[in-house]
């Protein structure tokens, strides 16, 4: 969960970064944050199966929830624009996809062998 906290906070901060190439703004920070989330969840699945994915997801979500809160000073780390909404949305989809695949693999490995033999 600690790795999820660090990855969530780092992704939250870097997701706002962009670079101007000619007249086009490229959101490289958003791509880097999503790649980091993908590596986090895939690594958690590889190391600790479904429980690892759940723990990493909880840790990853805590900084996002805290960053999206409105503060009296008006500073919001997680903005209310397309980038601020896309980072958590795609991250949740990654968690769902990797978590469901991990859960299904765990169920497959626990299932008792069939009593019938196949020809």
PDB file of N, CA and C in Angstrom:
ATOM      1  N   UNK A   1       0.825  -1.182   0.000  1.00  0.00           N
ATOM      2  CA  UNK A   1       0.000   0.000   0.000  1.00  0.00           C
ATOM      3  C   UNK A   1       0.878   1.257   0.000  1.00  0.00           C
ATOM      4  N   UNK A   2       2.038   1.172   0.632  1.00  0.00           N
ATOM      5  CA  UNK A   2       2.942   2.319   0.672  1.00  0.00           C
ATOM      6  C   UNK A   2       3.434   2.677  -0.730  1.00  0.00           C
ATOM      7  N   UNK A   3       3.728   1.679  -1.530  1.00  0.00           N
ATOM      8  CA  UNK A   3       4.156   1.937  -2.910  1.00  0.00           C
ATOM      9  C   UNK A   3       3.019   2.595  -3.691  1.00  0.00           C
ATOM     10  N   UNK A   4       1.785   2.171  -3.432  1.00  0.00           N
ATOM     11  CA  UNK A   4       0.623   2.796  -4.067  1.00  0.00           C
ATOM     12  C   UNK A   4       0.471   4.252  -3.673  1.00  0.00           C
ATOM     13  N   UNK A   5       0.721   4.567  -2.405  1.00  0.00           N
ATOM     14  CA  UNK A   5       0.663   5.966  -1.951  1.00  0.00           C
ATOM     15  C   UNK A   5       1.682   6.826  -2.690  1.00  0.00           C
ATOM     16  N   UNK A   6       2.904   6.320  -2.787  1.00  0.00           N
ATOM     17  CA  UNK A   6       3.969   7.067  -3.463  1.00  0.00           C
ATOM     18  C   UNK A   6       3.647   7.228  -4.950  1.00  0.00           C
ATOM     19  N   UNK A   7       3.205   6.143  -5.589  1.00  0.00           N
ATOM     20  CA  UNK A   7       2.892   6.211  -7.018  1.00  0.00           C
ATOM     21  C   UNK A   7       1.698   7.123  -7.278  1.00  0.00           C
ATOM     22  N   UNK A   8       0.694   7.081  -6.417  1.00  0.00           N
ATOM     23  CA  UNK A   8      -0.462   7.952  -6.583  1.00  0.00           C
ATOM     24  C   UNK A   8      -0.103   9.417  -6.425  1.00  0.00           C
ATOM     25  N   UNK A   9       0.712   9.726  -5.416  1.00  0.00           N
ATOM     26  CA  UNK A   9       1.129  11.120  -5.207  1.00  0.00           C
ATOM     27  C   UNK A   9       2.011  11.614  -6.349  1.00  0.00           C
ATOM     28  N   UNK A  10       2.944  10.787  -6.795  1.00  0.00           N
ATOM     29  CA  UNK A  10       3.813  11.188  -7.904  1.00  0.00           C
ATOM     30  C   UNK A  10       3.008  11.358  -9.184  1.00  0.00           C
ATOM     31  N   UNK A  11       2.100  10.441  -9.451  1.00  0.00           N
ATOM     32  CA  UNK A  11       1.262  10.559 -10.642  1.00  0.00           C
ATOM     33  C   UNK A  11       0.363  11.782 -10.595  1.00  0.00           C
ATOM     34  N   UNK A  12      -0.146  12.077  -9.416  1.00  0.00           N
ATOM     35  CA  UNK A  12      -1.006  13.252  -9.248  1.00  0.00           C
ATOM     36  C   UNK A  12      -0.246  14.534  -9.567  1.00  0.00           C
ATOM     37  N   UNK A  13       0.985  14.618  -9.106  1.00  0.00           N
ATOM     38  CA  UNK A  13       1.769  15.833  -9.339  1.00  0.00           C
ATOM     39  C   UNK A  13       2.262  15.951 -10.774  1.00  0.00           C
ATOM     40  N   UNK A  14       2.671  14.834 -11.379  1.00  0.00           N
ATOM     41  CA  UNK A  14       3.251  14.900 -12.721  1.00  0.00           C
ATOM     42  C   UNK A  14       2.174  14.925 -13.809  1.00  0.00           C
ATOM     43  N   UNK A  15       0.944  14.544 -13.483  1.00  0.00           N
ATOM     44  CA  UNK A  15      -0.107  14.460 -14.510  1.00  0.00           C
ATOM     45  C   UNK A  15      -0.460  15.822 -15.108  1.00  0.00           C
ATOM     46  N   UNK A  16      -0.105  16.878 -14.467  1.00  0.00           N
ATOM     47  CA  UNK A  16      -0.414  18.224 -14.969  1.00  0.00           C
ATOM     48  C   UNK A  16       0.644  18.761 -15.934  1.00  0.00           C
ATOM     49  N   UNK A  17       1.767  18.081 -16.065  1.00  0.00           N
ATOM     50  CA  UNK A  17       2.875  18.587 -16.883  1.00  0.00           C
ATOM     51  C   UNK A  17       2.577  18.409 -18.367  1.00  0.00           C
ATOM     52  N   UNK A  18       2.999  19.387 -19.142  1.00  0.00           N
ATOM     53  CA  UNK A  18       2.868  19.285 -20.596  1.00  0.00           C
ATOM     54  C   UNK A  18       4.026  20.025 -21.245  1.00  0.00           C
ATOM     55  N   UNK A  19       4.165  19.820 -22.534  1.00  0.00           N
ATOM     56  CA  UNK A  19       5.227  20.470 -23.294  1.00  0.00           C
ATOM     57  C   UNK A  19       4.597  21.053 -24.555  1.00  0.00           C
ATOM     58  N   UNK A  20       5.077  22.199 -24.956  1.00  0.00           N
ATOM     59  CA  UNK A  20       4.575  22.863 -26.147  1.00  0.00           C
ATOM     60  C   UNK A  20       5.502  22.550 -27.316  1.00  0.00           C
ATOM     61  N   UNK A  21       4.967  21.867 -28.329  1.00  0.00           N
ATOM     62  CA  UNK A  21       5.720  21.534 -29.531  1.00  0.00           C
ATOM     63  C   UNK A  21       5.046  22.266 -30.682  1.00  0.00           C
ATOM     64  N   UNK A  22       5.683  23.332 -31.116  1.00  0.00           N
ATOM     65  CA  UNK A  22       5.057  24.177 -32.135  1.00  0.00           C
ATOM     66  C   UNK A  22       3.818  24.834 -31.549  1.00  0.00           C
ATOM     67  N   UNK A  23       2.669  24.565 -32.130  1.00  0.00           N
ATOM     68  CA  UNK A  23       1.409  25.088 -31.605  1.00  0.00           C
ATOM     69  C   UNK A  23       0.607  24.030 -30.852  1.00  0.00           C
ATOM     70  N   UNK A  24       1.192  22.864 -30.657  1.00  0.00           N
ATOM     71  CA  UNK A  24       0.474  21.749 -30.045  1.00  0.00           C
ATOM     72  C   UNK A  24       0.975  21.518 -28.619  1.00  0.00           C
ATOM     73  N   UNK A  25       0.041  21.356 -27.690  1.00  0.00           N
ATOM     74  CA  UNK A  25       0.381  21.039 -26.307  1.00  0.00           C
ATOM     75  C   UNK A  25       0.268  19.530 -26.126  1.00  0.00           C
ATOM     76  N   UNK A  26       1.373  18.909 -25.742  1.00  0.00           N
ATOM     77  CA  UNK A  26       1.393  17.464 -25.518  1.00  0.00           C
ATOM     78  C   UNK A  26       1.391  17.177 -24.016  1.00  0.00           C
ATOM     79  N   UNK A  27       0.393  16.462 -23.512  1.00  0.00           N
ATOM     80  CA  UNK A  27       0.319  16.161 -22.069  1.00  0.00           C
ATOM     81  C   UNK A  27       1.190  14.966 -21.689  1.00  0.00           C
ATOM     82  N   UNK A  28       2.497  15.127 -21.714  1.00  0.00           N
ATOM     83  CA  UNK A  28       3.398  14.019 -21.426  1.00  0.00           C
ATOM     84  C   UNK A  28       3.261  13.571 -19.979  1.00  0.00           C
ATOM     85  N   UNK A  29       2.910  14.465 -19.084  1.00  0.00           N
ATOM     86  CA  UNK A  29       2.763  14.112 -17.672  1.00  0.00           C
ATOM     87  C   UNK A  29       1.625  13.139 -17.448  1.00  0.00           C
ATOM     88  N   UNK A  30       0.524  13.336 -18.167  1.00  0.00           N
ATOM     89  CA  UNK A  30      -0.617  12.433 -18.054  1.00  0.00           C
ATOM     90  C   UNK A  30      -0.239  11.032 -18.541  1.00  0.00           C
ATOM     91  N   UNK A  31       0.474  10.974 -19.661  1.00  0.00           N
ATOM     92  CA  UNK A  31       0.916   9.674 -20.177  1.00  0.00           C
ATOM     93  C   UNK A  31       1.879   9.002 -19.202  1.00  0.00           C
ATOM     94  N   UNK A  32       2.789   9.759 -18.614  1.00  0.00           N
ATOM     95  CA  UNK A  32       3.731   9.196 -17.649  1.00  0.00           C
ATOM     96  C   UNK A  32       3.025   8.719 -16.392  1.00  0.00           C
ATOM     97  N   UNK A  33       2.040   9.484 -15.916  1.00  0.00           N
ATOM     98  CA  UNK A  33       1.291   9.088 -14.717  1.00  0.00           C
ATOM     99  C   UNK A  33       0.497   7.810 -14.961  1.00  0.00           C
ATOM    100  N   UNK A  34      -0.129   7.690 -16.116  1.00  0.00           N
ATOM    101  CA  UNK A  34      -0.892   6.487 -16.430  1.00  0.00           C
ATOM    102  C   UNK A  34       0.020   5.276 -16.631  1.00  0.00           C
ATOM    103  N   UNK A  35       1.183   5.500 -17.231  1.00  0.00           N
ATOM    104  CA  UNK A  35       2.149   4.405 -17.377  1.00  0.00           C
ATOM    105  C   UNK A  35       2.635   3.942 -16.002  1.00  0.00           C
ATOM    106  N   UNK A  36       2.859   4.885 -15.105  1.00  0.00           N
ATOM    107  CA  UNK A  36       3.257   4.525 -13.744  1.00  0.00           C
ATOM    108  C   UNK A  36       2.183   3.729 -13.021  1.00  0.00           C
ATOM    109  N   UNK A  37       0.916   4.117 -13.209  1.00  0.00           N
ATOM    110  CA  UNK A  37      -0.183   3.374 -12.591  1.00  0.00           C
ATOM    111  C   UNK A  37      -0.272   1.964 -13.164  1.00  0.00           C
ATOM    112  N   UNK A  38      -0.083   1.843 -14.458  1.00  0.00           N
ATOM    113  CA  UNK A  38      -0.118   0.519 -15.084  1.00  0.00           C
ATOM    114  C   UNK A  38       0.991  -0.369 -14.529  1.00  0.00           C
ATOM    115  N   UNK A  39       2.192   0.162 -14.413  1.00  0.00           N
ATOM    116  CA  UNK A  39       3.318  -0.603 -13.868  1.00  0.00           C
ATOM    117  C   UNK A  39       3.047  -0.972 -12.403  1.00  0.00           C
ATOM    118  N   UNK A  40       2.479  -0.051 -11.645  1.00  0.00           N
ATOM    119  CA  UNK A  40       2.159  -0.320 -10.240  1.00  0.00           C
ATOM    120  C   UNK A  40       1.190  -1.488 -10.110  1.00  0.00           C
ATOM    121  N   UNK A  41       0.081  -1.444 -10.834  1.00  0.00           N
ATOM    122  CA  UNK A  41      -0.940  -2.475 -10.687  1.00  0.00           C
ATOM    123  C   UNK A  41      -0.486  -3.816 -11.267  1.00  0.00           C
ATOM    124  N   UNK A  42       0.222  -3.786 -12.386  1.00  0.00           N
ATOM    125  CA  UNK A  42       0.729  -5.028 -12.963  1.00  0.00           C
ATOM    126  C   UNK A  42       1.790  -5.654 -12.051  1.00  0.00           C
ATOM    127  N   UNK A  43       2.637  -4.825 -11.477  1.00  0.00           N
ATOM    128  CA  UNK A  43       3.640  -5.337 -10.537  1.00  0.00           C
ATOM    129  C   UNK A  43       3.012  -5.889  -9.272  1.00  0.00           C
ATOM    130  N   UNK A  44       1.973  -5.241  -8.786  1.00  0.00           N
ATOM    131  CA  UNK A  44       1.274  -5.734  -7.592  1.00  0.00           C
ATOM    132  C   UNK A  44       0.616  -7.074  -7.880  1.00  0.00           C
ATOM    133  N   UNK A  45       0.070  -7.220  -9.073  1.00  0.00           N
ATOM    134  CA  UNK A  45      -0.545  -8.502  -9.448  1.00  0.00           C
ATOM    135  C   UNK A  45       0.508  -9.595  -9.543  1.00  0.00           C
ATOM    136  N   UNK A  46       1.654  -9.263 -10.119  1.00  0.00           N
ATOM    137  CA  UNK A  46       2.710 -10.262 -10.268  1.00  0.00           C
ATOM    138  C   UNK A  46       3.284 -10.688  -8.910  1.00  0.00           C
ATOM    139  N   UNK A  47       3.364  -9.751  -7.977  1.00  0.00           N
ATOM    140  CA  UNK A  47       3.968 -10.056  -6.681  1.00  0.00           C
ATOM    141  C   UNK A  47       2.994 -10.670  -5.685  1.00  0.00           C
ATOM    142  N   UNK A  48       1.771 -10.155  -5.637  1.00  0.00           N
ATOM    143  CA  UNK A  48       0.868 -10.563  -4.552  1.00  0.00           C
ATOM    144  C   UNK A  48      -0.537 -10.895  -5.018  1.00  0.00           C
ATOM    145  N   UNK A  49      -0.737 -11.163  -6.290  1.00  0.00           N
ATOM    146  CA  UNK A  49      -2.036 -11.560  -6.834  1.00  0.00           C
ATOM    147  C   UNK A  49      -3.124 -10.524  -6.525  1.00  0.00           C
ATOM    148  N   UNK A  50      -4.333 -10.960  -6.244  1.00  0.00           N
ATOM    149  CA  UNK A  50      -5.473 -10.055  -6.096  1.00  0.00           C
ATOM    150  C   UNK A  50      -5.324  -9.132  -4.886  1.00  0.00           C
ATOM    151  N   UNK A  51      -4.833  -9.653  -3.785  1.00  0.00           N
ATOM    152  CA  UNK A  51      -4.642  -8.823  -2.591  1.00  0.00           C
ATOM    153  C   UNK A  51      -3.663  -7.685  -2.834  1.00  0.00           C
ATOM    154  N   UNK A  52      -2.638  -7.943  -3.611  1.00  0.00           N
ATOM    155  CA  UNK A  52      -1.679  -6.901  -3.936  1.00  0.00           C
ATOM    156  C   UNK A  52      -2.277  -5.807  -4.794  1.00  0.00           C
ATOM    157  N   UNK A  53      -3.123  -6.196  -5.727  1.00  0.00           N
ATOM    158  CA  UNK A  53      -3.789  -5.203  -6.584  1.00  0.00           C
ATOM    159  C   UNK A  53      -4.720  -4.332  -5.752  1.00  0.00           C
ATOM    160  N   UNK A  54      -5.456  -4.949  -4.837  1.00  0.00           N
ATOM    161  CA  UNK A  54      -6.379  -4.187  -3.983  1.00  0.00           C
ATOM    162  C   UNK A  54      -5.606  -3.226  -3.092  1.00  0.00           C
ATOM    163  N   UNK A  55      -4.534  -3.693  -2.469  1.00  0.00           N
ATOM    164  CA  UNK A  55      -3.733  -2.829  -1.596  1.00  0.00           C
ATOM    165  C   UNK A  55      -3.103  -1.680  -2.385  1.00  0.00           C
ATOM    166  N   UNK A  56      -2.573  -1.965  -3.561  1.00  0.00           N
ATOM    167  CA  UNK A  56      -1.980  -0.910  -4.387  1.00  0.00           C
ATOM    168  C   UNK A  56      -3.034   0.098  -4.831  1.00  0.00           C
ATOM    169  N   UNK A  57      -4.233  -0.385  -5.164  1.00  0.00           N
ATOM    170  CA  UNK A  57      -5.302   0.509  -5.596  1.00  0.00           C
ATOM    171  C   UNK A  57      -5.753   1.427  -4.473  1.00  0.00           C
ATOM    172  N   UNK A  58      -5.859   0.887  -3.259  1.00  0.00           N
ATOM    173  CA  UNK A  58      -6.244   1.734  -2.118  1.00  0.00           C
ATOM    174  C   UNK A  58      -5.185   2.791  -1.883  1.00  0.00           C
ATOM    175  N   UNK A  59      -3.918   2.374  -1.874  1.00  0.00           N
ATOM    176  CA  UNK A  59      -2.840   3.336  -1.683  1.00  0.00           C
ATOM    177  C   UNK A  59      -2.784   4.377  -2.789  1.00  0.00           C
ATOM    178  N   UNK A  60      -3.052   3.974  -4.018  1.00  0.00           N
ATOM    179  CA  UNK A  60      -3.014   4.889  -5.162  1.00  0.00           C
ATOM    180  C   UNK A  60      -4.160   5.901  -5.100  1.00  0.00           C
ATOM    181  N   UNK A  61      -5.311   5.454  -4.608  1.00  0.00           N
ATOM    182  CA  UNK A  61      -6.489   6.318  -4.607  1.00  0.00           C
ATOM    183  C   UNK A  61      -6.459   7.380  -3.513  1.00  0.00           C
ATOM    184  N   UNK A  62      -5.796   7.120  -2.395  1.00  0.00           N
ATOM    185  CA  UNK A  62      -5.790   8.071  -1.272  1.00  0.00           C
ATOM    186  C   UNK A  62      -5.251   9.444  -1.681  1.00  0.00           C
ATOM    187  N   UNK A  63      -4.086   9.558  -2.346  1.00  0.00           N
ATOM    188  CA  UNK A  63      -3.638  10.897  -2.754  1.00  0.00           C
ATOM    189  C   UNK A  63      -4.577  11.556  -3.767  1.00  0.00           C
ATOM    190  N   UNK A  64      -5.216  10.766  -4.622  1.00  0.00           N
ATOM    191  CA  UNK A  64      -6.150  11.348  -5.580  1.00  0.00           C
ATOM    192  C   UNK A  64      -7.369  11.917  -4.886  1.00  0.00           C
ATOM    193  N   UNK A  65      -7.872  11.198  -3.909  1.00  0.00           N
ATOM    194  CA  UNK A  65      -9.028  11.685  -3.159  1.00  0.00           C
ATOM    195  C   UNK A  65      -8.667  12.957  -2.392  1.00  0.00           C
ATOM    196  N   UNK A  66      -7.498  12.978  -1.769  1.00  0.00           N
ATOM    197  CA  UNK A  66      -7.067  14.163  -1.029  1.00  0.00           C
ATOM    198  C   UNK A  66      -6.772  15.329  -1.971  1.00  0.00           C
ATOM    199  N   UNK A  67      -6.218  15.045  -3.127  1.00  0.00           N
ATOM    200  CA  UNK A  67      -5.890  16.105  -4.076  1.00  0.00           C
ATOM    201  C   UNK A  67      -7.102  16.704  -4.764  1.00  0.00           C
ATOM    202  N   UNK A  68      -8.194  15.965  -4.793  1.00  0.00           N
ATOM    203  CA  UNK A  68      -9.402  16.469  -5.442  1.00  0.00           C
ATOM    204  C   UNK A  68     -10.309  17.261  -4.533  1.00  0.00           C
ATOM    205  N   UNK A  69      -9.981  17.315  -3.249  1.00  0.00           N
ATOM    206  CA  UNK A  69     -10.813  18.065  -2.314  1.00  0.00           C
ATOM    207  C   UNK A  69     -10.606  19.563  -2.482  1.00  0.00           C
ATOM    208  N   UNK A  70     -11.664  20.308  -2.290  1.00  0.00           N
ATOM    209  CA  UNK A  70     -11.571  21.768  -2.350  1.00  0.00           C
ATOM    210  C   UNK A  70     -11.043  22.272  -1.014  1.00  0.00           C
ATOM    211  N   UNK A  71     -10.088  23.151  -1.070  1.00  0.00           N
ATOM    212  CA  UNK A  71      -9.512  23.737   0.125  1.00  0.00           C
ATOM    213  C   UNK A  71      -9.944  25.191   0.208  1.00  0.00           C
ATOM    214  N   UNK A  72      -9.993  25.770   1.404  1.00  0.00           N
ATOM    215  CA  UNK A  72     -10.442  27.169   1.538  1.00  0.00           C
ATOM    216  C   UNK A  72      -9.617  28.150   0.710  1.00  0.00           C
ATOM    217  N   UNK A  73      -8.350  27.865   0.520  1.00  0.00           N
ATOM    218  CA  UNK A  73      -7.507  28.744  -0.280  1.00  0.00           C
ATOM    219  C   UNK A  73      -7.771  28.617  -1.767  1.00  0.00           C
ATOM    220  N   UNK A  74      -8.505  27.592  -2.146  1.00  0.00           N
ATOM    221  CA  UNK A  74      -8.864  27.406  -3.543  1.00  0.00           C
ATOM    222  C   UNK A  74      -7.895  26.537  -4.317  1.00  0.00           C
ATOM    223  N   UNK A  75      -6.822  26.061  -3.677  1.00  0.00           N
ATOM    224  CA  UNK A  75      -5.907  25.238  -4.455  1.00  0.00           C
ATOM    225  C   UNK A  75      -6.391  23.804  -4.513  1.00  0.00           C
ATOM    226  N   UNK A  76      -6.478  23.326  -5.719  1.00  0.00           N
ATOM    227  CA  UNK A  76      -6.854  21.944  -5.981  1.00  0.00           C
ATOM    228  C   UNK A  76      -5.720  21.344  -6.797  1.00  0.00           C
ATOM    229  N   UNK A  77      -5.159  20.260  -6.308  1.00  0.00           N
ATOM    230  CA  UNK A  77      -4.066  19.615  -7.035  1.00  0.00           C
ATOM    231  C   UNK A  77      -4.617  18.870  -8.243  1.00  0.00           C
ATOM    232  N   UNK A  78      -5.741  18.200  -8.056  1.00  0.00           N
ATOM    233  CA  UNK A  78      -6.390  17.472  -9.138  1.00  0.00           C
ATOM    234  C   UNK A  78      -7.406  18.416  -9.775  1.00  0.00           C
ATOM    235  N   UNK A  79      -7.050  18.963 -10.930  1.00  0.00           N
ATOM    236  CA  UNK A  79      -7.878  19.984 -11.564  1.00  0.00           C
ATOM    237  C   UNK A  79      -9.219  19.464 -12.052  1.00  0.00           C
ATOM    238  N   UNK A  80     -10.106  20.376 -12.320  1.00  0.00           N
ATOM    239  CA  UNK A  80     -11.450  20.038 -12.794  1.00  0.00           C
ATOM    240  C   UNK A  80     -11.554  20.176 -14.305  1.00  0.00           C
ATOM    241  N   UNK A  81     -10.504  19.780 -15.011  1.00  0.00           N
ATOM    242  CA  UNK A  81     -10.516  19.797 -16.469  1.00  0.00           C
ATOM    243  C   UNK A  81     -10.380  18.365 -16.984  1.00  0.00           C
ATOM    244  N   UNK A  82     -10.177  18.199 -18.274  1.00  0.00           N
ATOM    245  CA  UNK A  82     -10.141  16.857 -18.848  1.00  0.00           C
ATOM    246  C   UNK A  82      -8.985  16.022 -18.318  1.00  0.00           C
ATOM    247  N   UNK A  83      -7.849  16.656 -18.040  1.00  0.00           N
ATOM    248  CA  UNK A  83      -6.714  15.909 -17.502  1.00  0.00           C
ATOM    249  C   UNK A  83      -6.963  15.462 -16.069  1.00  0.00           C
ATOM    250  N   UNK A  84      -7.575  16.346 -15.298  1.00  0.00           N
ATOM    251  CA  UNK A  84      -7.872  16.021 -13.912  1.00  0.00           C
ATOM    252  C   UNK A  84      -8.907  14.916 -13.782  1.00  0.00           C
ATOM    253  N   UNK A  85      -9.778  14.800 -14.766  1.00  0.00           N
ATOM    254  CA  UNK A  85     -10.795  13.752 -14.737  1.00  0.00           C
ATOM    255  C   UNK A  85     -10.327  12.470 -15.416  1.00  0.00           C
ATOM    256  N   UNK A  86      -9.469  12.606 -16.413  1.00  0.00           N
ATOM    257  CA  UNK A  86      -9.025  11.440 -17.175  1.00  0.00           C
ATOM    258  C   UNK A  86      -8.053  10.569 -16.381  1.00  0.00           C
ATOM    259  N   UNK A  87      -7.178  11.182 -15.600  1.00  0.00           N
ATOM    260  CA  UNK A  87      -6.197  10.397 -14.839  1.00  0.00           C
ATOM    261  C   UNK A  87      -6.873   9.424 -13.867  1.00  0.00           C
ATOM    262  N   UNK A  88      -7.778   9.874 -12.992  1.00  0.00           N
ATOM    263  CA  UNK A  88      -8.419   8.888 -12.108  1.00  0.00           C
ATOM    264  C   UNK A  88      -9.337   7.920 -12.850  1.00  0.00           C
ATOM    265  N   UNK A  89     -10.001   8.386 -13.893  1.00  0.00           N
ATOM    266  CA  UNK A  89     -10.929   7.509 -14.618  1.00  0.00           C
ATOM    267  C   UNK A  89     -10.189   6.354 -15.284  1.00  0.00           C
ATOM    268  N   UNK A  90      -9.101   6.639 -15.979  1.00  0.00           N
ATOM    269  CA  UNK A  90      -8.346   5.575 -16.635  1.00  0.00           C
ATOM    270  C   UNK A  90      -7.638   4.714 -15.592  1.00  0.00           C
ATOM    271  N   UNK A  91      -7.195   5.327 -14.505  1.00  0.00           N
ATOM    272  CA  UNK A  91      -6.582   4.549 -13.425  1.00  0.00           C
ATOM    273  C   UNK A  91      -7.547   3.548 -12.818  1.00  0.00           C
ATOM    274  N   UNK A  92      -8.794   3.954 -12.621  1.00  0.00           N
ATOM    275  CA  UNK A  92      -9.797   3.033 -12.087  1.00  0.00           C
ATOM    276  C   UNK A  92     -10.080   1.919 -13.087  1.00  0.00           C
ATOM    277  N   UNK A  93     -10.102   2.226 -14.368  1.00  0.00           N
ATOM    278  CA  UNK A  93     -10.283   1.184 -15.376  1.00  0.00           C
ATOM    279  C   UNK A  93      -9.114   0.195 -15.364  1.00  0.00           C
ATOM    280  N   UNK A  94      -7.901   0.695 -15.180  1.00  0.00           N
ATOM    281  CA  UNK A  94      -6.743  -0.197 -15.072  1.00  0.00           C
ATOM    282  C   UNK A  94      -6.868  -1.120 -13.866  1.00  0.00           C
ATOM    283  N   UNK A  95      -7.279  -0.551 -12.734  1.00  0.00           N
ATOM    284  CA  UNK A  95      -7.468  -1.363 -11.529  1.00  0.00           C
ATOM    285  C   UNK A  95      -8.522  -2.432 -11.779  1.00  0.00           C
ATOM    286  N   UNK A  96      -9.632  -2.037 -12.388  1.00  0.00           N
ATOM    287  CA  UNK A  96     -10.706  -2.994 -12.640  1.00  0.00           C
ATOM    288  C   UNK A  96     -10.239  -4.110 -13.572  1.00  0.00           C
ATOM    289  N   UNK A  97      -9.576  -3.756 -14.641  1.00  0.00           N
ATOM    290  CA  UNK A  97      -9.133  -4.761 -15.609  1.00  0.00           C
ATOM    291  C   UNK A  97      -8.119  -5.719 -14.993  1.00  0.00           C
ATOM    292  N   UNK A  98      -7.091  -5.170 -14.364  1.00  0.00           N
ATOM    293  CA  UNK A  98      -6.046  -6.021 -13.788  1.00  0.00           C
ATOM    294  C   UNK A  98      -6.587  -6.795 -12.591  1.00  0.00           C
ATOM    295  N   UNK A  99      -7.423  -6.156 -11.778  1.00  0.00           N
ATOM    296  CA  UNK A  99      -8.004  -6.839 -10.623  1.00  0.00           C
ATOM    297  C   UNK A  99      -8.909  -7.988 -11.018  1.00  0.00           C
ATOM    298  N   UNK A 100      -9.748  -7.788 -12.022  1.00  0.00           N
ATOM    299  CA  UNK A 100     -10.657  -8.858 -12.468  1.00  0.00           C
ATOM    300  C   UNK A 100      -9.865 -10.013 -13.071  1.00  0.00           C
ATOM    301  N   UNK A 101      -8.854  -9.698 -13.855  1.00  0.00           N
ATOM    302  CA  UNK A 101      -8.027 -10.773 -14.430  1.00  0.00           C
ATOM    303  C   UNK A 101      -7.298 -11.545 -13.335  1.00  0.00           C
ATOM    304  N   UNK A 102      -6.815 -10.842 -12.326  1.00  0.00           N
ATOM    305  CA  UNK A 102      -6.130 -11.509 -11.229  1.00  0.00           C
ATOM    306  C   UNK A 102      -7.100 -12.375 -10.431  1.00  0.00           C
ATOM    307  N   UNK A 103      -8.279 -11.853 -10.157  1.00  0.00           N
ATOM    308  CA  UNK A 103      -9.291 -12.617  -9.426  1.00  0.00           C
ATOM    309  C   UNK A 103      -9.698 -13.864 -10.207  1.00  0.00           C
ATOM    310  N   UNK A 104      -9.888 -13.717 -11.511  1.00  0.00           N
ATOM    311  CA  UNK A 104     -10.268 -14.865 -12.340  1.00  0.00           C
ATOM    312  C   UNK A 104      -9.160 -15.919 -12.355  1.00  0.00           C
ATOM    313  N   UNK A 105      -7.915 -15.478 -12.415  1.00  0.00           N
ATOM    314  CA  UNK A 105      -6.801 -16.434 -12.389  1.00  0.00           C
ATOM    315  C   UNK A 105      -6.735 -17.149 -11.040  1.00  0.00           C
ATOM    316  N   UNK A 106      -6.998 -16.422  -9.950  1.00  0.00           N
ATOM    317  CA  UNK A 106      -7.023 -17.053  -8.630  1.00  0.00           C
ATOM    318  C   UNK A 106      -8.147 -18.082  -8.542  1.00  0.00           C
ATOM    319  N   UNK A 107      -9.306 -17.758  -9.084  1.00  0.00           N
ATOM    320  CA  UNK A 107     -10.436 -18.693  -9.049  1.00  0.00           C
ATOM    321  C   UNK A 107     -10.140 -19.933  -9.882  1.00  0.00           C
ATOM    322  N   UNK A 108      -9.471 -19.751 -10.994  1.00  0.00           N
ATOM    323  CA  UNK A 108      -9.124 -20.874 -11.869  1.00  0.00           C
ATOM    324  C   UNK A 108      -8.153 -21.817 -11.178  1.00  0.00           C
ATOM    325  N   UNK A 109      -7.219 -21.265 -10.416  1.00  0.00           N
ATOM    326  CA  UNK A 109      -6.223 -22.109  -9.761  1.00  0.00           C
ATOM    327  C   UNK A 109      -6.783 -22.807  -8.524  1.00  0.00           C
ATOM    328  N   UNK A 110      -7.875 -22.315  -7.965  1.00  0.00           N
ATOM    329  CA  UNK A 110      -8.470 -22.905  -6.772  1.00  0.00           C
ATOM    330  C   UNK A 110      -9.528 -23.940  -7.127  1.00  0.00           C
ATOM    331  N   UNK A 111     -10.070 -23.844  -8.304  1.00  0.00           N
ATOM    332  CA  UNK A 111     -11.162 -24.737  -8.727  1.00  0.00           C
ATOM    333  C   UNK A 111     -10.704 -26.187  -8.673  1.00  0.00           C
ATOM    334  N   UNK A 112     -11.518 -27.059  -8.027  1.00  0.00           N
ATOM    335  CA  UNK A 112     -11.137 -28.474  -7.962  1.00  0.00           C
ATOM    336  C   UNK A 112     -11.244 -29.124  -9.344  1.00  0.00           C
ATOM    337  N   UNK A 113     -10.435 -30.134  -9.567  1.00  0.00           N
ATOM    338  CA  UNK A 113     -10.494 -30.800 -10.872  1.00  0.00           C
ATOM    339  C   UNK A 113     -11.847 -31.487 -11.061  1.00  0.00           C
ATOM    340  N   UNK A 114     -12.264 -31.583 -12.278  1.00  0.00           N
ATOM    341  CA  UNK A 114     -13.541 -32.208 -12.607  1.00  0.00           C
ATOM    342  C   UNK A 114     -13.452 -33.701 -12.342  1.00  0.00           C
ATOM    343  N   UNK A 115     -14.567 -34.274 -11.852  1.00  0.00           N
ATOM    344  CA  UNK A 115     -14.583 -35.710 -11.574  1.00  0.00           C
ATOM    345  C   UNK A 115     -14.726 -36.532 -12.851  1.00  0.00           C
ATOM    346  N   UNK A 116     -15.264 -35.887 -13.890  1.00  0.00           N
ATOM    347  CA  UNK A 116     -15.388 -36.577 -15.170  1.00  0.00           C
ATOM    348  C   UNK A 116     -14.098 -36.447 -15.958  1.00  0.00           C
ATOM    349  N   UNK A 117     -13.717 -37.482 -16.593  1.00  0.00           N
ATOM    350  CA  UNK A 117     -12.544 -37.420 -17.461  1.00  0.00           C
ATOM    351  C   UNK A 117     -13.009 -37.122 -18.890  1.00  0.00           C
ATOM    352  N   UNK A 118     -12.254 -36.349 -19.541  1.00  0.00           N
ATOM    353  CA  UNK A 118     -12.587 -35.968 -20.921  1.00  0.00           C
ATOM    354  C   UNK A 118     -11.959 -36.963 -21.878  1.00  0.00           C
ATOM    355  N   UNK A 119     -12.683 -37.331 -22.940  1.00  0.00           N
ATOM    356  CA  UNK A 119     -12.112 -38.277 -23.914  1.00  0.00           C
ATOM    357  C   UNK A 119     -11.038 -37.645 -24.748  1.00  0.00           C
TER     358      UNK A 119
END
